[in-house]
Amino acid sequence: RKFYQSEDALVTGIKAILAEEFSKELSAKIKNAHRRRQQKQSGLNITREMFGWNKTGKDEFEVNPQEAVYFSMACQLVEAGCGFRKISNVLYDAGARSKSGKRISEVQWRNMLRSPRAYGTVILHRKEYDFIRKEKKELPKEEWVVIDNALPALISFEYYERIQALLDTRAKRT
């Protein structure tokens, strides 16, 4: 049952400024530690589930055999000239589902087929959150952290390149 006083607004404002500065410093420390860990390649820090692999331990993955079959089917459909919508529909009818049991969209199939994870390479540090501007920014390729053989391959590098060439020619045609 205290009445509002002008000093309260001043104290609250100062506390808010201090809390914001603390948050910025903490964010910078975490970001730097994360970047150092990536550059030393001492940890992938992949937190979300990935289609095609099962996480067995910290930075340890194994190929999910059923999902690998679906991925191979998607590659075969690309070779047959199918688009991503057709791939999504055919594989949904064949039983392909995301880790949460939902339909895998054509955009997700495109991203998976275009990802170098298919042949075991993981690219980290592509984007960074700018705390001051409050936005994510794309980083130049020179700053990316590329880790070869970080995952067991779903397909060979040569087959991956062939699929990419097919996708590139199709993209230029449209």
N, C-alpha and C. Protein backbone atom coordinates (compact mmCIF):
# COMPACT_ATOMS: atom_id res chain seq x y z
N ARG A 1 0.83 -1.19 0.00
CA ARG A 1 0.00 0.00 0.00
C ARG A 1 0.87 1.24 0.00
N LYS A 2 1.83 1.18 -0.88
CA LYS A 2 2.75 2.30 -1.00
C LYS A 2 2.34 3.13 -2.22
N PHE A 3 2.33 4.44 -2.06
CA PHE A 3 2.00 5.31 -3.17
C PHE A 3 3.20 5.45 -4.10
N TYR A 4 2.91 5.68 -5.36
CA TYR A 4 3.95 5.83 -6.37
C TYR A 4 4.75 7.09 -6.08
N GLN A 5 6.08 6.96 -6.14
CA GLN A 5 6.96 8.10 -5.95
C GLN A 5 7.88 8.22 -7.15
N SER A 6 8.32 9.39 -7.47
CA SER A 6 9.14 9.61 -8.66
C SER A 6 10.49 8.90 -8.55
N GLU A 7 11.01 8.71 -7.34
CA GLU A 7 12.29 8.02 -7.18
C GLU A 7 12.18 6.55 -7.62
N ASP A 8 11.00 5.95 -7.49
CA ASP A 8 10.80 4.56 -7.89
C ASP A 8 11.04 4.39 -9.40
N ALA A 9 10.58 5.32 -10.21
CA ALA A 9 10.76 5.24 -11.65
C ALA A 9 12.23 5.32 -12.00
N LEU A 10 12.98 6.16 -11.30
CA LEU A 10 14.41 6.31 -11.55
C LEU A 10 15.14 5.00 -11.21
N VAL A 11 14.84 4.43 -10.07
CA VAL A 11 15.49 3.18 -9.65
C VAL A 11 15.14 2.06 -10.62
N THR A 12 13.90 1.97 -11.01
CA THR A 12 13.47 0.93 -11.95
C THR A 12 14.18 1.10 -13.29
N GLY A 13 14.31 2.33 -13.75
CA GLY A 13 15.01 2.60 -15.01
C GLY A 13 16.47 2.19 -14.96
N ILE A 14 17.14 2.50 -13.86
CA ILE A 14 18.56 2.14 -13.69
C ILE A 14 18.70 0.62 -13.64
N LYS A 15 17.80 -0.05 -12.94
CA LYS A 15 17.85 -1.52 -12.88
C LYS A 15 17.66 -2.13 -14.27
N ALA A 16 16.77 -1.56 -15.05
CA ALA A 16 16.53 -2.08 -16.41
C ALA A 16 17.76 -1.91 -17.28
N ILE A 17 18.44 -0.77 -17.17
CA ILE A 17 19.66 -0.52 -17.95
C ILE A 17 20.75 -1.51 -17.55
N LEU A 18 20.93 -1.71 -16.23
CA LEU A 18 21.93 -2.66 -15.75
C LEU A 18 21.63 -4.08 -16.21
N ALA A 19 20.36 -4.46 -16.16
CA ALA A 19 19.97 -5.81 -16.60
C ALA A 19 20.23 -6.00 -18.09
N GLU A 20 19.98 -4.98 -18.88
CA GLU A 20 20.23 -5.07 -20.32
C GLU A 20 21.72 -5.21 -20.61
N GLU A 21 22.54 -4.44 -19.91
CA GLU A 21 24.00 -4.54 -20.10
C GLU A 21 24.51 -5.92 -19.68
N PHE A 22 24.00 -6.43 -18.58
CA PHE A 22 24.39 -7.77 -18.14
C PHE A 22 24.02 -8.81 -19.20
N SER A 23 22.83 -8.67 -19.74
CA SER A 23 22.36 -9.61 -20.77
C SER A 23 23.25 -9.54 -22.01
N LYS A 24 23.65 -8.34 -22.44
CA LYS A 24 24.53 -8.19 -23.60
C LYS A 24 25.88 -8.85 -23.35
N GLU A 25 26.45 -8.63 -22.18
CA GLU A 25 27.76 -9.21 -21.85
C GLU A 25 27.67 -10.73 -21.79
N LEU A 26 26.62 -11.25 -21.18
CA LEU A 26 26.45 -12.68 -21.09
C LEU A 26 26.27 -13.30 -22.48
N SER A 27 25.50 -12.64 -23.32
CA SER A 27 25.30 -13.11 -24.69
C SER A 27 26.62 -13.14 -25.46
N ALA A 28 27.43 -12.11 -25.31
CA ALA A 28 28.73 -12.06 -25.99
C ALA A 28 29.65 -13.18 -25.50
N LYS A 29 29.65 -13.45 -24.19
CA LYS A 29 30.48 -14.53 -23.65
C LYS A 29 30.05 -15.88 -24.19
N ILE A 30 28.78 -16.12 -24.21
CA ILE A 30 28.26 -17.40 -24.71
C ILE A 30 28.56 -17.55 -26.20
N LYS A 31 28.38 -16.46 -26.96
CA LYS A 31 28.65 -16.50 -28.39
C LYS A 31 30.13 -16.78 -28.67
N ASN A 32 31.01 -16.15 -27.92
CA ASN A 32 32.45 -16.36 -28.11
C ASN A 32 32.85 -17.80 -27.73
N ALA A 33 32.30 -18.31 -26.64
CA ALA A 33 32.60 -19.69 -26.25
C ALA A 33 32.11 -20.67 -27.30
N HIS A 34 30.92 -20.42 -27.82
CA HIS A 34 30.35 -21.28 -28.85
C HIS A 34 31.22 -21.24 -30.12
N ARG A 35 31.64 -20.06 -30.52
CA ARG A 35 32.49 -19.90 -31.71
C ARG A 35 33.83 -20.62 -31.52
N ARG A 36 34.44 -20.46 -30.35
CA ARG A 36 35.72 -21.14 -30.09
C ARG A 36 35.56 -22.67 -30.15
N ARG A 37 34.47 -23.17 -29.59
CA ARG A 37 34.21 -24.60 -29.62
C ARG A 37 34.05 -25.09 -31.06
N GLN A 38 33.38 -24.30 -31.89
CA GLN A 38 33.20 -24.68 -33.29
C GLN A 38 34.53 -24.64 -34.04
N GLN A 39 35.32 -23.60 -33.81
CA GLN A 39 36.59 -23.47 -34.53
C GLN A 39 37.57 -24.57 -34.13
N LYS A 40 37.55 -24.98 -32.88
CA LYS A 40 38.40 -26.08 -32.43
C LYS A 40 37.82 -27.42 -32.87
N GLN A 41 36.60 -27.39 -33.38
CA GLN A 41 35.86 -28.58 -33.78
C GLN A 41 35.75 -29.57 -32.63
N SER A 42 35.51 -29.01 -31.45
CA SER A 42 35.38 -29.84 -30.26
C SER A 42 33.92 -30.10 -29.90
N GLY A 43 33.03 -29.71 -30.77
CA GLY A 43 31.62 -29.96 -30.50
C GLY A 43 30.74 -29.41 -31.60
N LEU A 44 29.82 -30.23 -32.08
CA LEU A 44 28.92 -29.78 -33.14
C LEU A 44 27.80 -28.93 -32.58
N ASN A 45 27.33 -29.27 -31.39
CA ASN A 45 26.24 -28.56 -30.75
C ASN A 45 24.99 -28.55 -31.63
N ILE A 46 24.69 -29.69 -32.24
CA ILE A 46 23.46 -29.84 -33.01
C ILE A 46 22.37 -30.22 -32.02
N THR A 47 21.40 -29.35 -31.85
CA THR A 47 20.40 -29.57 -30.81
C THR A 47 19.09 -30.13 -31.35
N ARG A 48 18.80 -29.89 -32.61
CA ARG A 48 17.53 -30.40 -33.14
C ARG A 48 17.76 -31.75 -33.80
N GLU A 49 16.69 -32.52 -33.85
CA GLU A 49 16.78 -33.83 -34.50
C GLU A 49 16.89 -33.64 -36.00
N MET A 50 17.66 -34.53 -36.63
CA MET A 50 17.87 -34.44 -38.08
C MET A 50 17.31 -35.68 -38.74
N PHE A 51 16.60 -35.49 -39.84
CA PHE A 51 16.08 -36.60 -40.61
C PHE A 51 17.25 -37.35 -41.23
N GLY A 52 17.30 -38.64 -41.01
CA GLY A 52 18.36 -39.46 -41.56
C GLY A 52 19.32 -39.98 -40.51
N TRP A 53 19.35 -39.35 -39.35
CA TRP A 53 20.29 -39.76 -38.30
C TRP A 53 19.59 -39.84 -36.96
N ASN A 54 20.11 -40.69 -36.11
CA ASN A 54 19.69 -40.77 -34.71
C ASN A 54 20.87 -40.32 -33.86
N LYS A 55 20.60 -39.51 -32.87
CA LYS A 55 21.66 -39.07 -31.96
C LYS A 55 21.86 -40.15 -30.90
N THR A 56 23.09 -40.63 -30.79
CA THR A 56 23.38 -41.70 -29.83
C THR A 56 24.13 -41.20 -28.62
N GLY A 57 24.70 -40.02 -28.69
CA GLY A 57 25.45 -39.44 -27.58
C GLY A 57 25.86 -38.03 -27.95
N LYS A 58 26.67 -37.42 -27.11
CA LYS A 58 27.13 -36.06 -27.40
C LYS A 58 27.98 -36.07 -28.67
N ASP A 59 27.51 -35.38 -29.69
CA ASP A 59 28.18 -35.30 -30.99
C ASP A 59 28.38 -36.66 -31.63
N GLU A 60 27.53 -37.62 -31.30
CA GLU A 60 27.60 -38.94 -31.91
C GLU A 60 26.27 -39.25 -32.58
N PHE A 61 26.36 -39.61 -33.85
CA PHE A 61 25.16 -39.88 -34.63
C PHE A 61 25.34 -41.19 -35.39
N GLU A 62 24.21 -41.85 -35.62
CA GLU A 62 24.22 -43.03 -36.46
C GLU A 62 23.12 -42.87 -37.50
N VAL A 63 23.31 -43.52 -38.64
CA VAL A 63 22.32 -43.44 -39.70
C VAL A 63 21.06 -44.18 -39.27
N ASN A 64 19.92 -43.54 -39.47
CA ASN A 64 18.64 -44.19 -39.26
C ASN A 64 18.33 -44.94 -40.55
N PRO A 65 18.32 -46.28 -40.53
CA PRO A 65 18.20 -47.03 -41.78
C PRO A 65 16.95 -46.73 -42.58
N GLN A 66 15.81 -46.61 -41.93
CA GLN A 66 14.55 -46.35 -42.65
C GLN A 66 14.56 -44.95 -43.28
N GLU A 67 15.02 -43.97 -42.54
CA GLU A 67 15.07 -42.61 -43.07
C GLU A 67 16.10 -42.51 -44.19
N ALA A 68 17.18 -43.28 -44.10
CA ALA A 68 18.18 -43.29 -45.17
C ALA A 68 17.58 -43.85 -46.46
N VAL A 69 16.70 -44.84 -46.34
CA VAL A 69 16.03 -45.40 -47.52
C VAL A 69 15.15 -44.32 -48.16
N TYR A 70 14.42 -43.57 -47.34
CA TYR A 70 13.57 -42.50 -47.88
C TYR A 70 14.43 -41.43 -48.56
N PHE A 71 15.57 -41.12 -47.97
CA PHE A 71 16.46 -40.13 -48.57
C PHE A 71 16.97 -40.62 -49.92
N SER A 72 17.34 -41.89 -50.00
CA SER A 72 17.79 -42.47 -51.28
C SER A 72 16.67 -42.44 -52.31
N MET A 73 15.45 -42.71 -51.85
CA MET A 73 14.30 -42.64 -52.76
C MET A 73 14.12 -41.22 -53.28
N ALA A 74 14.33 -40.23 -52.42
CA ALA A 74 14.22 -38.83 -52.84
C ALA A 74 15.27 -38.52 -53.91
N CYS A 75 16.48 -39.03 -53.74
CA CYS A 75 17.54 -38.82 -54.73
C CYS A 75 17.17 -39.47 -56.05
N GLN A 76 16.59 -40.67 -55.99
CA GLN A 76 16.17 -41.36 -57.21
C GLN A 76 15.06 -40.59 -57.91
N LEU A 77 14.17 -39.99 -57.15
CA LEU A 77 13.10 -39.19 -57.74
C LEU A 77 13.66 -37.94 -58.42
N VAL A 78 14.71 -37.36 -57.83
CA VAL A 78 15.37 -36.21 -58.47
C VAL A 78 15.96 -36.65 -59.80
N GLU A 79 16.61 -37.82 -59.81
CA GLU A 79 17.18 -38.35 -61.05
C GLU A 79 16.10 -38.62 -62.10
N ALA A 80 14.90 -38.98 -61.64
CA ALA A 80 13.79 -39.23 -62.56
C ALA A 80 13.15 -37.94 -63.05
N GLY A 81 13.60 -36.80 -62.53
CA GLY A 81 13.09 -35.51 -62.99
C GLY A 81 11.91 -34.99 -62.20
N CYS A 82 11.63 -35.57 -61.06
CA CYS A 82 10.49 -35.13 -60.24
C CYS A 82 10.82 -33.83 -59.50
N GLY A 83 9.79 -33.03 -59.29
CA GLY A 83 9.94 -31.81 -58.52
C GLY A 83 9.78 -32.10 -57.04
N PHE A 84 10.01 -31.08 -56.23
CA PHE A 84 9.97 -31.27 -54.78
C PHE A 84 8.57 -31.58 -54.27
N ARG A 85 7.55 -31.04 -54.91
CA ARG A 85 6.18 -31.35 -54.48
C ARG A 85 5.88 -32.82 -54.74
N LYS A 86 6.28 -33.31 -55.90
CA LYS A 86 6.08 -34.72 -56.24
C LYS A 86 6.87 -35.61 -55.27
N ILE A 87 8.11 -35.21 -54.98
CA ILE A 87 8.94 -35.97 -54.04
C ILE A 87 8.25 -36.05 -52.68
N SER A 88 7.75 -34.91 -52.23
CA SER A 88 7.07 -34.86 -50.93
C SER A 88 5.85 -35.77 -50.92
N ASN A 89 5.05 -35.71 -51.98
CA ASN A 89 3.84 -36.53 -52.04
C ASN A 89 4.14 -38.02 -52.13
N VAL A 90 5.08 -38.39 -52.99
CA VAL A 90 5.42 -39.80 -53.16
C VAL A 90 5.98 -40.38 -51.87
N LEU A 91 6.87 -39.66 -51.23
CA LEU A 91 7.49 -40.18 -50.00
C LEU A 91 6.51 -40.17 -48.83
N TYR A 92 5.59 -39.22 -48.81
CA TYR A 92 4.55 -39.25 -47.77
C TYR A 92 3.69 -40.49 -47.94
N ASP A 93 3.32 -40.79 -49.19
CA ASP A 93 2.52 -41.99 -49.45
C ASP A 93 3.31 -43.26 -49.12
N ALA A 94 4.65 -43.19 -49.26
CA ALA A 94 5.49 -44.35 -48.93
C ALA A 94 5.71 -44.49 -47.43
N GLY A 95 5.33 -43.47 -46.65
CA GLY A 95 5.44 -43.56 -45.20
C GLY A 95 6.49 -42.68 -44.57
N ALA A 96 7.15 -41.83 -45.35
CA ALA A 96 8.17 -40.93 -44.79
C ALA A 96 7.50 -39.86 -43.94
N ARG A 97 7.98 -39.74 -42.72
CA ARG A 97 7.47 -38.73 -41.79
C ARG A 97 8.65 -38.08 -41.08
N SER A 98 8.43 -36.88 -40.58
CA SER A 98 9.46 -36.21 -39.80
C SER A 98 9.61 -36.92 -38.46
N LYS A 99 10.60 -36.49 -37.67
CA LYS A 99 10.82 -37.10 -36.36
C LYS A 99 9.59 -36.95 -35.45
N SER A 100 8.82 -35.88 -35.68
CA SER A 100 7.62 -35.67 -34.86
C SER A 100 6.39 -36.36 -35.45
N GLY A 101 6.58 -37.08 -36.57
CA GLY A 101 5.47 -37.81 -37.17
C GLY A 101 4.65 -37.02 -38.16
N LYS A 102 5.11 -35.83 -38.53
CA LYS A 102 4.37 -34.99 -39.46
C LYS A 102 4.87 -35.15 -40.89
N ARG A 103 4.10 -34.62 -41.81
CA ARG A 103 4.46 -34.63 -43.22
C ARG A 103 5.71 -33.78 -43.44
N ILE A 104 6.59 -34.24 -44.31
CA ILE A 104 7.78 -33.47 -44.66
C ILE A 104 7.46 -32.66 -45.90
N SER A 105 7.53 -31.35 -45.80
CA SER A 105 7.13 -30.47 -46.90
C SER A 105 8.15 -30.49 -48.02
N GLU A 106 7.75 -29.94 -49.17
CA GLU A 106 8.67 -29.86 -50.31
C GLU A 106 9.86 -28.95 -50.00
N VAL A 107 9.66 -27.93 -49.19
CA VAL A 107 10.77 -27.05 -48.81
C VAL A 107 11.78 -27.82 -47.94
N GLN A 108 11.28 -28.63 -47.04
CA GLN A 108 12.17 -29.42 -46.20
C GLN A 108 12.95 -30.45 -47.03
N TRP A 109 12.28 -31.08 -48.00
CA TRP A 109 12.99 -32.02 -48.88
C TRP A 109 14.06 -31.30 -49.68
N ARG A 110 13.74 -30.10 -50.18
CA ARG A 110 14.74 -29.32 -50.94
C ARG A 110 15.95 -29.01 -50.06
N ASN A 111 15.69 -28.57 -48.84
CA ASN A 111 16.78 -28.25 -47.92
C ASN A 111 17.61 -29.48 -47.59
N MET A 112 16.95 -30.61 -47.38
CA MET A 112 17.69 -31.84 -47.05
C MET A 112 18.53 -32.30 -48.23
N LEU A 113 17.97 -32.25 -49.43
CA LEU A 113 18.71 -32.71 -50.62
C LEU A 113 19.85 -31.76 -50.97
N ARG A 114 19.71 -30.50 -50.64
CA ARG A 114 20.76 -29.52 -50.91
C ARG A 114 21.82 -29.46 -49.82
N SER A 115 21.55 -30.04 -48.67
CA SER A 115 22.46 -29.94 -47.53
C SER A 115 23.68 -30.84 -47.68
N PRO A 116 24.87 -30.31 -47.37
CA PRO A 116 26.07 -31.16 -47.39
C PRO A 116 26.09 -32.20 -46.27
N ARG A 117 25.13 -32.13 -45.36
CA ARG A 117 25.04 -33.17 -44.32
C ARG A 117 24.81 -34.53 -44.95
N ALA A 118 24.21 -34.56 -46.14
CA ALA A 118 23.91 -35.83 -46.81
C ALA A 118 25.17 -36.67 -46.99
N TYR A 119 26.31 -36.02 -47.25
CA TYR A 119 27.55 -36.78 -47.40
C TYR A 119 28.46 -36.65 -46.18
N GLY A 120 27.93 -36.14 -45.07
CA GLY A 120 28.64 -36.15 -43.80
C GLY A 120 29.30 -34.86 -43.37
N THR A 121 29.22 -33.81 -44.18
CA THR A 121 29.86 -32.55 -43.84
C THR A 121 28.87 -31.62 -43.15
N VAL A 122 29.31 -31.02 -42.06
CA VAL A 122 28.47 -30.08 -41.32
C VAL A 122 29.10 -28.70 -41.44
N ILE A 123 28.26 -27.71 -41.77
CA ILE A 123 28.72 -26.33 -41.86
C ILE A 123 28.08 -25.55 -40.72
N LEU A 124 28.91 -25.00 -39.87
CA LEU A 124 28.45 -24.24 -38.72
C LEU A 124 28.80 -22.76 -38.89
N HIS A 125 28.19 -21.94 -38.07
CA HIS A 125 28.49 -20.51 -38.00
C HIS A 125 28.20 -19.80 -39.32
N ARG A 126 27.03 -20.12 -39.92
CA ARG A 126 26.59 -19.45 -41.14
C ARG A 126 25.90 -18.12 -40.83
N LYS A 127 25.21 -18.09 -39.70
CA LYS A 127 24.47 -16.91 -39.30
C LYS A 127 24.87 -16.54 -37.88
N GLU A 128 24.67 -15.27 -37.56
CA GLU A 128 24.99 -14.79 -36.22
C GLU A 128 23.94 -13.77 -35.82
N TYR A 129 23.58 -13.78 -34.55
CA TYR A 129 22.59 -12.83 -34.06
C TYR A 129 23.30 -11.57 -33.59
N ASP A 130 22.90 -10.45 -34.15
CA ASP A 130 23.45 -9.15 -33.76
C ASP A 130 22.58 -8.60 -32.64
N PHE A 131 23.14 -8.57 -31.43
CA PHE A 131 22.37 -8.19 -30.24
C PHE A 131 21.94 -6.72 -30.30
N ILE A 132 22.77 -5.88 -30.89
CA ILE A 132 22.45 -4.44 -30.93
C ILE A 132 21.33 -4.17 -31.92
N ARG A 133 21.43 -4.76 -33.12
CA ARG A 133 20.41 -4.54 -34.15
C ARG A 133 19.20 -5.44 -33.97
N LYS A 134 19.32 -6.44 -33.11
CA LYS A 134 18.24 -7.38 -32.83
C LYS A 134 17.81 -8.13 -34.10
N GLU A 135 18.82 -8.64 -34.85
CA GLU A 135 18.51 -9.38 -36.06
C GLU A 135 19.61 -10.40 -36.36
N LYS A 136 19.25 -11.43 -37.11
CA LYS A 136 20.24 -12.40 -37.55
C LYS A 136 20.85 -11.90 -38.84
N LYS A 137 22.16 -12.13 -38.98
CA LYS A 137 22.82 -11.72 -40.21
C LYS A 137 23.60 -12.89 -40.78
N GLU A 138 23.63 -12.95 -42.10
CA GLU A 138 24.39 -13.97 -42.81
C GLU A 138 25.87 -13.61 -42.71
N LEU A 139 26.69 -14.60 -42.47
CA LEU A 139 28.13 -14.38 -42.39
C LEU A 139 28.78 -14.74 -43.72
N PRO A 140 29.91 -14.11 -44.05
CA PRO A 140 30.61 -14.49 -45.29
C PRO A 140 31.16 -15.91 -45.19
N LYS A 141 31.33 -16.56 -46.34
CA LYS A 141 31.77 -17.96 -46.36
C LYS A 141 33.11 -18.16 -45.67
N GLU A 142 33.94 -17.14 -45.64
CA GLU A 142 35.26 -17.26 -45.00
C GLU A 142 35.13 -17.52 -43.49
N GLU A 143 34.03 -17.09 -42.89
CA GLU A 143 33.84 -17.26 -41.46
C GLU A 143 33.11 -18.55 -41.09
N TRP A 144 32.61 -19.28 -42.08
CA TRP A 144 31.91 -20.52 -41.80
C TRP A 144 32.89 -21.55 -41.25
N VAL A 145 32.40 -22.42 -40.40
CA VAL A 145 33.20 -23.51 -39.86
C VAL A 145 32.71 -24.79 -40.54
N VAL A 146 33.58 -25.40 -41.35
CA VAL A 146 33.23 -26.60 -42.11
C VAL A 146 33.90 -27.80 -41.46
N ILE A 147 33.11 -28.79 -41.09
CA ILE A 147 33.64 -30.00 -40.46
C ILE A 147 33.30 -31.19 -41.36
N ASP A 148 34.32 -31.73 -42.01
CA ASP A 148 34.13 -32.89 -42.87
C ASP A 148 34.01 -34.16 -42.02
N ASN A 149 33.24 -35.11 -42.52
CA ASN A 149 33.05 -36.41 -41.86
C ASN A 149 32.54 -36.27 -40.43
N ALA A 150 31.73 -35.26 -40.18
CA ALA A 150 31.17 -35.07 -38.84
C ALA A 150 30.01 -36.03 -38.60
N LEU A 151 29.35 -36.44 -39.68
CA LEU A 151 28.22 -37.36 -39.60
C LEU A 151 28.49 -38.55 -40.50
N PRO A 152 27.88 -39.69 -40.21
CA PRO A 152 27.97 -40.79 -41.17
C PRO A 152 27.20 -40.39 -42.44
N ALA A 153 27.77 -40.66 -43.58
CA ALA A 153 27.18 -40.22 -44.84
C ALA A 153 25.94 -41.04 -45.20
N LEU A 154 24.92 -40.35 -45.72
CA LEU A 154 23.75 -41.03 -46.26
C LEU A 154 24.00 -41.44 -47.71
N ILE A 155 24.74 -40.57 -48.43
CA ILE A 155 25.10 -40.84 -49.82
C ILE A 155 26.55 -40.42 -50.02
N SER A 156 27.17 -40.88 -51.09
CA SER A 156 28.56 -40.51 -51.36
C SER A 156 28.63 -39.08 -51.86
N PHE A 157 29.81 -38.49 -51.76
CA PHE A 157 30.02 -37.12 -52.23
C PHE A 157 29.78 -37.02 -53.73
N GLU A 158 30.23 -38.03 -54.48
CA GLU A 158 30.05 -38.02 -55.94
C GLU A 158 28.57 -38.05 -56.31
N TYR A 159 27.80 -38.89 -55.61
CA TYR A 159 26.37 -38.96 -55.87
C TYR A 159 25.70 -37.65 -55.47
N TYR A 160 26.12 -37.07 -54.38
CA TYR A 160 25.60 -35.77 -53.94
C TYR A 160 25.83 -34.72 -55.03
N GLU A 161 27.04 -34.67 -55.58
CA GLU A 161 27.35 -33.69 -56.63
C GLU A 161 26.49 -33.93 -57.87
N ARG A 162 26.23 -35.19 -58.20
CA ARG A 162 25.38 -35.49 -59.36
C ARG A 162 23.96 -34.98 -59.12
N ILE A 163 23.45 -35.19 -57.91
CA ILE A 163 22.10 -34.71 -57.56
C ILE A 163 22.06 -33.18 -57.62
N GLN A 164 23.12 -32.53 -57.12
CA GLN A 164 23.16 -31.06 -57.14
C GLN A 164 23.18 -30.54 -58.58
N ALA A 165 23.93 -31.21 -59.46
CA ALA A 165 23.98 -30.80 -60.86
C ALA A 165 22.61 -30.92 -61.51
N LEU A 166 21.89 -32.00 -61.20
CA LEU A 166 20.54 -32.16 -61.73
C LEU A 166 19.61 -31.07 -61.22
N LEU A 167 19.70 -30.80 -59.92
CA LEU A 167 18.86 -29.75 -59.34
C LEU A 167 19.20 -28.38 -59.94
N ASP A 168 20.49 -28.13 -60.16
CA ASP A 168 20.91 -26.84 -60.73
C ASP A 168 20.40 -26.67 -62.16
N THR A 169 20.47 -27.72 -62.97
CA THR A 169 19.99 -27.60 -64.36
C THR A 169 18.49 -27.42 -64.39
N ARG A 170 17.79 -28.09 -63.47
CA ARG A 170 16.34 -27.91 -63.41
C ARG A 170 15.99 -26.50 -62.98
N ALA A 171 16.75 -25.95 -62.04
CA ALA A 171 16.47 -24.60 -61.55
C ALA A 171 16.70 -23.57 -62.64
N LYS A 172 17.70 -23.78 -63.49
CA LYS A 172 17.98 -22.84 -64.57
C LYS A 172 16.94 -22.91 -65.67
N ARG A 173 16.35 -24.10 -65.84
CA ARG A 173 15.37 -24.31 -66.89
C ARG A 173 14.09 -23.54 -66.62
N THR A 174 13.69 -23.42 -65.34
CA THR A 174 12.42 -22.80 -65.01
C THR A 174 12.49 -21.30 -64.98
